C-alpha atoms as a PDB file:
ATOM      1  CA  UNK A   1      -0.051  -0.038   0.101  1.00  0.00           C
ATOM      2  CA  UNK A   2       1.140   3.403  -0.883  1.00  0.00           C
ATOM      3  CA  UNK A   3       2.946   5.135   2.280  1.00  0.00           C
ATOM      4  CA  UNK A   4       0.674   8.143   1.982  1.00  0.00           C
ATOM      5  CA  UNK A   5      -2.918   8.961   1.210  1.00  0.00           C
ATOM      6  CA  UNK A   6      -2.200  12.292   0.143  1.00  0.00           C
ATOM      7  CA  UNK A   7      -3.679  11.769  -3.337  1.00  0.00           C
ATOM      8  CA  UNK A   8      -7.095  10.561  -2.023  1.00  0.00           C
ATOM      9  CA  UNK A   9      -7.280  13.647   0.367  1.00  0.00           C
ATOM     10  CA  UNK A  10      -6.449  16.096  -2.271  1.00  0.00           C
ATOM     11  CA  UNK A  11      -8.871  14.381  -4.825  1.00  0.00           C
ATOM     12  CA  UNK A  12     -11.620  14.317  -2.278  1.00  0.00           C
ATOM     13  CA  UNK A  13     -11.142  18.256  -1.476  1.00  0.00           C
ATOM     14  CA  UNK A  14     -10.895  19.073  -5.148  1.00  0.00           C
ATOM     15  CA  UNK A  15     -14.081  17.153  -6.112  1.00  0.00           C
ATOM     16  CA  UNK A  16     -16.109  18.341  -3.471  1.00  0.00           C
ATOM     17  CA  UNK A  17     -15.645  21.881  -4.361  1.00  0.00           C
ATOM     18  CA  UNK A  18     -15.769  21.156  -8.060  1.00  0.00           C
ATOM     19  CA  UNK A  19     -19.038  19.164  -7.858  1.00  0.00           C
ATOM     20  CA  UNK A  20     -20.821  22.231  -6.228  1.00  0.00           C
ATOM     21  CA  UNK A  21     -19.437  24.860  -8.632  1.00  0.00           C
ATOM     22  CA  UNK A  22     -20.336  22.593 -11.795  1.00  0.00           C
ATOM     23  CA  UNK A  23     -23.951  22.131 -10.458  1.00  0.00           C
ATOM     24  CA  UNK A  24     -24.186  25.787  -9.910  1.00  0.00           C
ATOM     25  CA  UNK A  25     -23.035  26.720 -13.317  1.00  0.00           C
ATOM     26  CA  UNK A  26     -25.099  23.876 -15.093  1.00  0.00           C
ATOM     27  CA  UNK A  27     -28.224  25.304 -13.484  1.00  0.00           C
ATOM     28  CA  UNK A  28     -27.627  28.899 -14.532  1.00  0.00           C
ATOM     29  CA  UNK A  29     -26.494  28.040 -18.322  1.00  0.00           C
ATOM     30  CA  UNK A  30     -29.043  25.073 -18.569  1.00  0.00           C
ATOM     31  CA  UNK A  31     -26.340  22.904 -19.734  1.00  0.00           C
ATOM     32  CA  UNK A  32     -26.639  19.156 -19.421  1.00  0.00           C
ATOM     33  CA  UNK A  33     -22.979  18.568 -20.013  1.00  0.00           C
ATOM     34  CA  UNK A  34     -22.079  20.709 -16.828  1.00  0.00           C
ATOM     35  CA  UNK A  35     -24.819  18.870 -14.814  1.00  0.00           C
ATOM     36  CA  UNK A  36     -23.161  15.471 -16.130  1.00  0.00           C
ATOM     37  CA  UNK A  37     -19.722  16.764 -14.924  1.00  0.00           C
ATOM     38  CA  UNK A  38     -21.128  17.727 -11.528  1.00  0.00           C
ATOM     39  CA  UNK A  39     -22.469  14.153 -11.229  1.00  0.00           C
ATOM     40  CA  UNK A  40     -19.219  12.925 -12.247  1.00  0.00           C
ATOM     41  CA  UNK A  41     -17.356  15.151  -9.469  1.00  0.00           C
ATOM     42  CA  UNK A  42     -20.109  13.986  -6.802  1.00  0.00           C
ATOM     43  CA  UNK A  43     -19.628  10.397  -7.772  1.00  0.00           C
ATOM     44  CA  UNK A  44     -15.622  10.708  -7.426  1.00  0.00           C
ATOM     45  CA  UNK A  45     -16.351  12.661  -4.043  1.00  0.00           C
ATOM     46  CA  UNK A  46     -18.372   9.572  -2.581  1.00  0.00           C
ATOM     47  CA  UNK A  47     -15.764   7.221  -4.199  1.00  0.00           C
ATOM     48  CA  UNK A  48     -12.769   8.738  -2.201  1.00  0.00           C
ATOM     49  CA  UNK A  49     -14.811   8.546   0.988  1.00  0.00           C
ATOM     50  CA  UNK A  50     -15.457   4.740   0.367  1.00  0.00           C
ATOM     51  CA  UNK A  51     -11.867   4.216  -0.393  1.00  0.00           C
ATOM     52  CA  UNK A  52     -10.769   5.750   2.876  1.00  0.00           C
ATOM     53  CA  UNK A  53     -13.314   3.996   4.796  1.00  0.00           C
ATOM     54  CA  UNK A  54     -12.147   0.822   3.083  1.00  0.00           C
ATOM     55  CA  UNK A  55      -8.621   1.707   4.147  1.00  0.00           C
ATOM     56  CA  UNK A  56      -9.554   2.247   7.743  1.00  0.00           C
ATOM     57  CA  UNK A  57     -11.634  -1.116   7.839  1.00  0.00           C
ATOM     58  CA  UNK A  58      -8.630  -3.072   6.195  1.00  0.00           C
ATOM     59  CA  UNK A  59      -6.536  -2.050   9.168  1.00  0.00           C
ATOM     60  CA  UNK A  60      -8.607  -3.856  11.843  1.00  0.00           C
ATOM     61  CA  UNK A  61      -6.716  -6.439  13.595  1.00  0.00           C
ATOM     62  CA  UNK A  62      -7.323 -10.229  13.117  1.00  0.00           C
ATOM     63  CA  UNK A  63     -10.086 -11.641  15.464  1.00  0.00           C
ATOM     64  CA  UNK A  64     -11.924 -14.999  16.040  1.00  0.00           C
ATOM     65  CA  UNK A  65     -14.182 -14.503  13.065  1.00  0.00           C
ATOM     66  CA  UNK A  66     -11.461 -13.050  10.784  1.00  0.00           C
ATOM     67  CA  UNK A  67      -8.114 -14.872  11.842  1.00  0.00           C
ATOM     68  CA  UNK A  68      -6.354 -13.630   8.557  1.00  0.00           C
ATOM     69  CA  UNK A  69      -7.912  -9.917   9.337  1.00  0.00           C
ATOM     70  CA  UNK A  70      -9.902  -7.610   7.553  1.00  0.00           C
ATOM     71  CA  UNK A  71      -7.308  -6.703   4.575  1.00  0.00           C
ATOM     72  CA  UNK A  72      -9.924  -7.554   1.620  1.00  0.00           C
ATOM     73  CA  UNK A  73     -12.386  -4.849   3.071  1.00  0.00           C
ATOM     74  CA  UNK A  74     -10.272  -2.474   0.881  1.00  0.00           C
ATOM     75  CA  UNK A  75     -10.797  -4.722  -2.004  1.00  0.00           C
ATOM     76  CA  UNK A  76     -14.677  -4.921  -1.459  1.00  0.00           C
ATOM     77  CA  UNK A  77     -15.012  -1.162  -1.134  1.00  0.00           C
ATOM     78  CA  UNK A  78     -12.849  -0.683  -4.323  1.00  0.00           C
ATOM     79  CA  UNK A  79     -15.183  -2.859  -6.111  1.00  0.00           C
ATOM     80  CA  UNK A  80     -18.388  -0.884  -4.863  1.00  0.00           C
ATOM     81  CA  UNK A  81     -16.506   2.037  -5.984  1.00  0.00           C
ATOM     82  CA  UNK A  82     -16.381   0.939  -9.605  1.00  0.00           C
ATOM     83  CA  UNK A  83     -20.016   0.153  -9.606  1.00  0.00           C
ATOM     84  CA  UNK A  84     -20.738   3.689  -8.324  1.00  0.00           C
ATOM     85  CA  UNK A  85     -18.774   5.175 -11.282  1.00  0.00           C
ATOM     86  CA  UNK A  86     -20.701   2.942 -13.594  1.00  0.00           C
ATOM     87  CA  UNK A  87     -24.138   3.727 -12.273  1.00  0.00           C
ATOM     88  CA  UNK A  88     -24.271   7.247 -10.698  1.00  0.00           C
ATOM     89  CA  UNK A  89     -21.506   8.658 -13.022  1.00  0.00           C
ATOM     90  CA  UNK A  90     -21.691   6.889 -16.266  1.00  0.00           C
ATOM     91  CA  UNK A  91     -25.377   5.753 -16.187  1.00  0.00           C
ATOM     92  CA  UNK A  92     -26.871   9.198 -15.255  1.00  0.00           C
ATOM     93  CA  UNK A  93     -24.514  11.040 -17.929  1.00  0.00           C
ATOM     94  CA  UNK A  94     -25.345   8.742 -20.560  1.00  0.00           C
ATOM     95  CA  UNK A  95     -29.059   9.245 -19.977  1.00  0.00           C
ATOM     96  CA  UNK A  96     -28.914  12.820 -19.818  1.00  0.00           C
ATOM     97  CA  UNK A  97     -26.879  13.073 -23.040  1.00  0.00           C
ATOM     98  CA  UNK A  98     -29.373  10.688 -24.678  1.00  0.00           C
ATOM     99  CA  UNK A  99     -32.232  12.935 -23.685  1.00  0.00           C
ATOM    100  CA  UNK A 100     -30.725  16.212 -24.821  1.00  0.00           C
ATOM    101  CA  UNK A 101     -29.753  14.815 -28.207  1.00  0.00           C
ATOM    102  CA  UNK A 102     -33.304  13.803 -28.852  1.00  0.00           C
ATOM    103  CA  UNK A 103     -34.663  17.101 -27.475  1.00  0.00           C
ATOM    104  CA  UNK A 104     -31.840  19.686 -27.428  1.00  0.00           C
ATOM    105  CA  UNK A 105     -32.251  22.715 -25.392  1.00  0.00           C
ATOM    106  CA  UNK A 106     -30.882  26.165 -26.065  1.00  0.00           C
ATOM    107  CA  UNK A 107     -28.280  26.711 -23.412  1.00  0.00           C
ATOM    108  CA  UNK A 108     -27.847  30.010 -21.749  1.00  0.00           C
ATOM    109  CA  UNK A 109     -24.770  32.397 -21.394  1.00  0.00           C
ATOM    110  CA  UNK A 110     -21.622  29.776 -21.638  1.00  0.00           C
ATOM    111  CA  UNK A 111     -19.385  32.168 -19.563  1.00  0.00           C
ATOM    112  CA  UNK A 112     -19.912  30.409 -16.271  1.00  0.00           C
ATOM    113  CA  UNK A 113     -19.284  27.123 -17.779  1.00  0.00           C
ATOM    114  CA  UNK A 114     -15.959  28.359 -19.224  1.00  0.00           C
ATOM    115  CA  UNK A 115     -15.013  29.765 -15.799  1.00  0.00           C
ATOM    116  CA  UNK A 116     -15.933  26.779 -13.960  1.00  0.00           C
ATOM    117  CA  UNK A 117     -14.406  24.324 -16.530  1.00  0.00           C
ATOM    118  CA  UNK A 118     -11.127  26.294 -16.262  1.00  0.00           C
ATOM    119  CA  UNK A 119     -11.161  26.181 -12.325  1.00  0.00           C
ATOM    120  CA  UNK A 120     -12.099  22.571 -12.545  1.00  0.00           C
ATOM    121  CA  UNK A 121      -9.151  21.727 -14.829  1.00  0.00           C
ATOM    122  CA  UNK A 122      -6.846  23.613 -12.821  1.00  0.00           C
ATOM    123  CA  UNK A 123      -7.815  21.406  -9.536  1.00  0.00           C
ATOM    124  CA  UNK A 124      -8.471  18.217 -11.394  1.00  0.00           C
ATOM    125  CA  UNK A 125      -5.168  18.539 -13.053  1.00  0.00           C
ATOM    126  CA  UNK A 126      -3.379  19.340  -9.781  1.00  0.00           C
ATOM    127  CA  UNK A 127      -4.901  16.255  -8.289  1.00  0.00           C
ATOM    128  CA  UNK A 128      -3.843  14.121 -11.379  1.00  0.00           C
ATOM    129  CA  UNK A 129      -0.518  15.370 -10.949  1.00  0.00           C
ATOM    130  CA  UNK A 130      -0.315  14.217  -7.115  1.00  0.00           C
ATOM    131  CA  UNK A 131      -1.972  10.897  -7.838  1.00  0.00           C
ATOM    132  CA  UNK A 132       0.658  10.275 -10.598  1.00  0.00           C
ATOM    133  CA  UNK A 133       3.637  11.279  -8.626  1.00  0.00           C
ATOM    134  CA  UNK A 134       2.406   9.072  -5.372  1.00  0.00           C
ATOM    135  CA  UNK A 135       1.895   6.126  -7.804  1.00  0.00           C
ATOM    136  CA  UNK A 136       5.093   6.736  -9.602  1.00  0.00           C
ATOM    137  CA  UNK A 137       6.972   6.194  -6.180  1.00  0.00           C
ATOM    138  CA  UNK A 138       5.842   2.347  -6.412  1.00  0.00           C
ATOM    139  CA  UNK A 139       5.998   1.926  -9.967  1.00  0.00           C
ATOM    140  CA  UNK A 140       9.662   1.033  -9.974  1.00  0.00           C
ATOM    141  CA  UNK A 141      10.963   0.037 -13.498  1.00  0.00           C
ATOM    142  CA  UNK A 142       7.555  -0.922 -14.984  1.00  0.00           C
ATOM    143  CA  UNK A 143       5.448   0.774 -17.461  1.00  0.00           C
ATOM    144  CA  UNK A 144       2.557   2.664 -16.280  1.00  0.00           C
ATOM    145  CA  UNK A 145       0.027  -0.090 -17.550  1.00  0.00           C
ATOM    146  CA  UNK A 146       2.140  -2.815 -16.141  1.00  0.00           C
ATOM    147  CA  UNK A 147       2.156  -1.307 -12.904  1.00  0.00           C
ATOM    148  CA  UNK A 148      -1.511  -0.803 -12.730  1.00  0.00           C
ATOM    149  CA  UNK A 149      -2.176  -4.266 -13.706  1.00  0.00           C
ATOM    150  CA  UNK A 150       0.275  -5.742 -11.142  1.00  0.00           C
ATOM    151  CA  UNK A 151      -0.537  -3.250  -8.227  1.00  0.00           C
ATOM    152  CA  UNK A 152      -2.267  -4.868  -5.266  1.00  0.00           C
ATOM    153  CA  UNK A 153      -3.268  -1.337  -3.890  1.00  0.00           C
ATOM    154  CA  UNK A 154      -6.535  -0.485  -5.542  1.00  0.00           C
ATOM    155  CA  UNK A 155      -6.309   2.847  -3.597  1.00  0.00           C
ATOM    156  CA  UNK A 156      -3.474   3.999  -5.587  1.00  0.00           C
ATOM    157  CA  UNK A 157      -4.753   3.250  -9.188  1.00  0.00           C
ATOM    158  CA  UNK A 158      -8.438   4.185  -8.459  1.00  0.00           C
ATOM    159  CA  UNK A 159      -7.517   7.784  -7.602  1.00  0.00           C
ATOM    160  CA  UNK A 160      -5.185   7.870 -10.883  1.00  0.00           C
ATOM    161  CA  UNK A 161      -8.058   6.499 -13.070  1.00  0.00           C
ATOM    162  CA  UNK A 162     -10.749   8.949 -11.789  1.00  0.00           C
ATOM    163  CA  UNK A 163      -8.594  12.000 -11.973  1.00  0.00           C
ATOM    164  CA  UNK A 164      -7.339  10.910 -15.535  1.00  0.00           C
ATOM    165  CA  UNK A 165     -11.048  10.374 -16.501  1.00  0.00           C
ATOM    166  CA  UNK A 166     -12.024  13.629 -14.961  1.00  0.00           C
ATOM    167  CA  UNK A 167      -9.364  15.714 -16.970  1.00  0.00           C
ATOM    168  CA  UNK A 168     -10.351  14.125 -20.074  1.00  0.00           C
ATOM    169  CA  UNK A 169     -14.150  14.546 -19.515  1.00  0.00           C
ATOM    170  CA  UNK A 170     -13.391  18.278 -18.969  1.00  0.00           C
ATOM    171  CA  UNK A 171     -11.647  18.453 -22.220  1.00  0.00           C
ATOM    172  CA  UNK A 172     -14.559  16.757 -24.018  1.00  0.00           C
ATOM    173  CA  UNK A 173     -17.126  19.039 -22.181  1.00  0.00           C
ATOM    174  CA  UNK A 174     -15.041  22.340 -23.133  1.00  0.00           C
ATOM    175  CA  UNK A 175     -14.720  21.436 -26.831  1.00  0.00           C
ATOM    176  CA  UNK A 176     -18.418  20.595 -27.073  1.00  0.00           C
ATOM    177  CA  UNK A 177     -19.627  23.575 -25.105  1.00  0.00           C
ATOM    178  CA  UNK A 178     -17.446  25.956 -27.365  1.00  0.00           C
ATOM    179  CA  UNK A 179     -18.411  24.375 -30.535  1.00  0.00           C
ATOM    180  CA  UNK A 180     -22.066  24.036 -29.740  1.00  0.00           C
ATOM    181  CA  UNK A 181     -22.040  27.750 -28.810  1.00  0.00           C
ATOM    182  CA  UNK A 182     -20.231  28.940 -31.782  1.00  0.00           C
ATOM    183  CA  UNK A 183     -22.040  26.988 -34.558  1.00  0.00           C
ATOM    184  CA  UNK A 184     -25.265  27.324 -32.670  1.00  0.00           C
ATOM    185  CA  UNK A 185     -25.586  23.522 -32.169  1.00  0.00           C
ATOM    186  CA  UNK A 186     -27.269  22.910 -28.937  1.00  0.00           C
ATOM    187  CA  UNK A 187     -27.348  18.971 -29.351  1.00  0.00           C
ATOM    188  CA  UNK A 188     -23.584  18.978 -28.896  1.00  0.00           C
ATOM    189  CA  UNK A 189     -24.270  19.803 -25.151  1.00  0.00           C
ATOM    190  CA  UNK A 190     -26.028  16.195 -25.059  1.00  0.00           C
ATOM    191  CA  UNK A 191     -23.229  14.841 -27.059  1.00  0.00           C
ATOM    192  CA  UNK A 192     -20.796  15.823 -24.630  1.00  0.00           C
ATOM    193  CA  UNK A 193     -22.772  14.469 -21.659  1.00  0.00           C
ATOM    194  CA  UNK A 194     -23.075  11.069 -23.757  1.00  0.00           C
ATOM    195  CA  UNK A 195     -19.314  10.891 -24.185  1.00  0.00           C
ATOM    196  CA  UNK A 196     -18.527  11.743 -20.674  1.00  0.00           C
ATOM    197  CA  UNK A 197     -20.924   8.907 -19.591  1.00  0.00           C
ATOM    198  CA  UNK A 198     -19.173   6.493 -21.852  1.00  0.00           C
ATOM    199  CA  UNK A 199     -15.860   7.289 -20.641  1.00  0.00           C
ATOM    200  CA  UNK A 200     -16.750   6.697 -17.020  1.00  0.00           C
ATOM    201  CA  UNK A 201     -18.555   3.380 -18.121  1.00  0.00           C
ATOM    202  CA  UNK A 202     -15.139   2.370 -19.795  1.00  0.00           C
ATOM    203  CA  UNK A 203     -13.293   3.314 -16.625  1.00  0.00           C
ATOM    204  CA  UNK A 204     -15.573   1.511 -14.321  1.00  0.00           C
ATOM    205  CA  UNK A 205     -15.239  -1.805 -16.236  1.00  0.00           C
ATOM    206  CA  UNK A 206     -11.250  -1.560 -15.890  1.00  0.00           C
ATOM    207  CA  UNK A 207     -11.579  -0.781 -12.138  1.00  0.00           C
ATOM    208  CA  UNK A 208     -14.149  -3.481 -11.662  1.00  0.00           C
ATOM    209  CA  UNK A 209     -11.881  -6.111 -13.609  1.00  0.00           C
ATOM    210  CA  UNK A 210      -8.759  -5.219 -11.252  1.00  0.00           C
ATOM    211  CA  UNK A 211     -10.835  -4.961  -7.952  1.00  0.00           C
ATOM    212  CA  UNK A 212     -12.579  -8.458  -8.740  1.00  0.00           C
ATOM    213  CA  UNK A 213      -9.325 -10.089  -9.303  1.00  0.00           C
ATOM    214  CA  UNK A 214      -7.924  -9.016  -6.077  1.00  0.00           C
ATOM    215  CA  UNK A 215     -11.335  -9.756  -4.059  1.00  0.00           C
ATOM    216  CA  UNK A 216     -11.333 -13.273  -5.625  1.00  0.00           C
ATOM    217  CA  UNK A 217      -8.017 -14.104  -4.426  1.00  0.00           C
ATOM    218  CA  UNK A 218      -5.154 -13.170  -6.729  1.00  0.00           C
ATOM    219  CA  UNK A 219      -1.918 -14.504  -5.862  1.00  0.00           C
ATOM    220  CA  UNK A 220       1.763 -13.625  -6.043  1.00  0.00           C
ATOM    221  CA  UNK A 221       3.397 -13.150  -9.369  1.00  0.00           C
ATOM    222  CA  UNK A 222       5.078 -16.238 -11.018  1.00  0.00           C
ATOM    223  CA  UNK A 223       8.382 -14.460 -10.804  1.00  0.00           C
ATOM    224  CA  UNK A 224       7.976 -14.183  -7.043  1.00  0.00           C
ATOM    225  CA  UNK A 225       6.863 -17.729  -6.631  1.00  0.00           C
ATOM    226  CA  UNK A 226      10.174 -18.992  -8.520  1.00  0.00           C
ATOM    227  CA  UNK A 227      12.204 -16.814  -6.197  1.00  0.00           C
ATOM    228  CA  UNK A 228      10.500 -18.244  -3.239  1.00  0.00           C
ATOM    229  CA  UNK A 229      10.846 -21.804  -4.502  1.00  0.00           C
ATOM    230  CA  UNK A 230      14.576 -21.254  -5.177  1.00  0.00           C
ATOM    231  CA  UNK A 231      15.178 -19.814  -1.711  1.00  0.00           C
ATOM    232  CA  UNK A 232      13.358 -22.823  -0.022  1.00  0.00           C
ATOM    233  CA  UNK A 233      15.359 -25.368  -2.162  1.00  0.00           C
ATOM    234  CA  UNK A 234      18.653 -23.987  -0.731  1.00  0.00           C
ATOM    235  CA  UNK A 235      17.519 -25.351   2.655  1.00  0.00           C
ATOM    236  CA  UNK A 236      19.673 -28.705   3.326  1.00  0.00           C
ATOM    237  CA  UNK A 237      16.574 -30.698   4.385  1.00  0.00           C
ATOM    238  CA  UNK A 238      14.479 -29.835   1.295  1.00  0.00           C
ATOM    239  CA  UNK A 239      14.100 -32.288  -1.728  1.00  0.00           C
ATOM    240  CA  UNK A 240      11.880 -30.205  -3.888  1.00  0.00           C
ATOM    241  CA  UNK A 241       9.192 -27.398  -3.544  1.00  0.00           C
ATOM    242  CA  UNK A 242       6.202 -29.150  -4.996  1.00  0.00           C
ATOM    243  CA  UNK A 243       3.347 -26.323  -4.975  1.00  0.00           C
ATOM    244  CA  UNK A 244       3.076 -22.689  -3.828  1.00  0.00           C
ATOM    245  CA  UNK A 245      -0.291 -21.521  -3.263  1.00  0.00           C
ATOM    246  CA  UNK A 246      -1.042 -17.761  -2.136  1.00  0.00           C
ATOM    247  CA  UNK A 247      -3.601 -15.084  -1.889  1.00  0.00           C
ATOM    248  CA  UNK A 248      -3.624 -11.350  -1.123  1.00  0.00           C
ATOM    249  CA  UNK A 249      -5.322 -10.469   1.955  1.00  0.00           C
ATOM    250  CA  UNK A 250      -4.527  -6.849   1.554  1.00  0.00           C
ATOM    251  CA  UNK A 251      -1.680  -4.884  -0.434  1.00  0.00           C
ATOM    252  CA  UNK A 252       0.801  -5.723   2.290  1.00  0.00           C
ATOM    253  CA  UNK A 253      -0.249  -9.061   3.675  1.00  0.00           C
ATOM    254  CA  UNK A 254      -0.008 -12.398   1.710  1.00  0.00           C
ATOM    255  CA  UNK A 255      -1.064 -15.892   2.975  1.00  0.00           C
ATOM    256  CA  UNK A 256       1.394 -18.350   1.655  1.00  0.00           C
ATOM    257  CA  UNK A 257       0.999 -22.244   1.801  1.00  0.00           C
ATOM    258  CA  UNK A 258       4.129 -24.316   0.809  1.00  0.00           C
ATOM    259  CA  UNK A 259       3.971 -27.986  -0.050  1.00  0.00           C
ATOM    260  CA  UNK A 260       7.318 -29.354   0.330  1.00  0.00           C
ATOM    261  CA  UNK A 261       9.099 -32.568  -0.253  1.00  0.00           C
ATOM    262  CA  UNK A 262      11.640 -33.172   2.286  1.00  0.00           C
ATOM    263  CA  UNK A 263      14.537 -35.647   2.014  1.00  0.00           C
ATOM    264  CA  UNK A 264      13.296 -39.080   3.046  1.00  0.00           C
ATOM    265  CA  UNK A 265      15.882 -39.871   5.862  1.00  0.00           C
ATOM    266  CA  UNK A 266      14.972 -37.334   7.794  1.00  0.00           C
ATOM    267  CA  UNK A 267      13.385 -37.514  11.330  1.00  0.00           C
ATOM    268  CA  UNK A 268      10.395 -35.850  12.328  1.00  0.00           C
ATOM    269  CA  UNK A 269      12.235 -33.522  14.639  1.00  0.00           C
ATOM    270  CA  UNK A 270      14.532 -32.471  11.868  1.00  0.00           C
ATOM    271  CA  UNK A 271      11.656 -31.741   9.540  1.00  0.00           C
ATOM    272  CA  UNK A 272      10.052 -29.604  12.222  1.00  0.00           C
ATOM    273  CA  UNK A 273      13.068 -27.524  12.568  1.00  0.00           C
ATOM    274  CA  UNK A 274      13.518 -27.398   9.012  1.00  0.00           C
ATOM    275  CA  UNK A 275       9.806 -25.769   8.626  1.00  0.00           C
ATOM    276  CA  UNK A 276      10.650 -23.254  11.160  1.00  0.00           C
ATOM    277  CA  UNK A 277      13.921 -22.237   9.393  1.00  0.00           C
ATOM    278  CA  UNK A 278      11.938 -22.059   6.173  1.00  0.00           C
ATOM    279  CA  UNK A 279       9.273 -19.923   7.719  1.00  0.00           C
ATOM    280  CA  UNK A 280      11.767 -17.449   8.793  1.00  0.00           C
ATOM    281  CA  UNK A 281      13.917 -17.405   6.160  1.00  0.00           C
ATOM    282  CA  UNK A 282      11.223 -16.487   3.590  1.00  0.00           C
ATOM    283  CA  UNK A 283       9.462 -13.963   5.985  1.00  0.00           C
ATOM    284  CA  UNK A 284      12.970 -12.249   6.243  1.00  0.00           C
ATOM    285  CA  UNK A 285      13.247 -11.899   2.551  1.00  0.00           C
ATOM    286  CA  UNK A 286       9.530 -11.384   1.515  1.00  0.00           C
ATOM    287  CA  UNK A 287       8.104  -8.969   4.240  1.00  0.00           C
ATOM    288  CA  UNK A 288       4.878  -8.759   2.673  1.00  0.00           C
ATOM    289  CA  UNK A 289       4.395 -12.408   3.673  1.00  0.00           C
ATOM    290  CA  UNK A 290       2.348 -12.584   6.816  1.00  0.00           C
ATOM    291  CA  UNK A 291       1.147 -16.138   7.101  1.00  0.00           C
ATOM    292  CA  UNK A 292       2.955 -19.064   6.116  1.00  0.00           C
ATOM    293  CA  UNK A 293       1.531 -22.777   6.142  1.00  0.00           C
ATOM    294  CA  UNK A 294       3.958 -25.695   5.201  1.00  0.00           C
ATOM    295  CA  UNK A 295       2.637 -29.013   4.350  1.00  0.00           C
ATOM    296  CA  UNK A 296       5.354 -31.904   4.082  1.00  0.00           C
ATOM    297  CA  UNK A 297       4.624 -34.061   1.022  1.00  0.00           C
ATOM    298  CA  UNK A 298       6.080 -37.208  -0.338  1.00  0.00           C
ATOM    299  CA  UNK A 299       7.805 -36.825  -3.557  1.00  0.00           C
ATOM    300  CA  UNK A 300       6.639 -38.969  -6.457  1.00  0.00           C
ATOM    301  CA  UNK A 301       8.660 -38.803  -9.533  1.00  0.00           C
END
């Protein structure tokens, strides 16, 4: 998990203020595109609150009902966020856009729309830069897309996607509002709302896919499995690593089950000592592994 929630708090503050100004501007100018953008910002505000709630819940200590902890709370609320983006953000915007294309209404003075779009672009752009900077700290040498797909911290890439979609949505609305006003084509206001809605639907599908994968029990990467297997087989008591099973409980906690074939001549005491030794070695090398279960197994060639 990222060391700081700075990007989430900055996005929350920006979206709350922007949502209010967009709704006010949309009501004065009778612009469905601005109302759609207001809904978009309102949905983003709710999303940031839910992510913060998910982070808080995920840090609750293990208890009798949840012996492995509450880490997957973050994955659950991330999935809920993707649904909200789809329904409240994308669905409402698509509906409004469709209605205003069928029955275009003459918009009022767009000056307030331009003012709000400019202010929104500044704040959303600043929030996007902060989110990108925070995510870049954990990206290592991977490409942006590789880092997003391999990330186990949905809070990091959710804000990145939301802010990116917000900035792109503002550009779409600005182009359509300006073109519609200059060429007297009121239906372009509805087109802008429709495009913003489709953008949000696309983003929601990507986020839902990533969150679902983590919620359903995504394991460690094959390369990491190979490193763990090599490390285990360096122990003098180990004959072969047969299977490595894992699942992420949270971005910082992995449950690991190792099925290992030990050398046949070992006594029970020696195997128990090897199990303790292997557990300590793996935890020392891979700090994100919180729980290790080791099952001895007979190796059949």
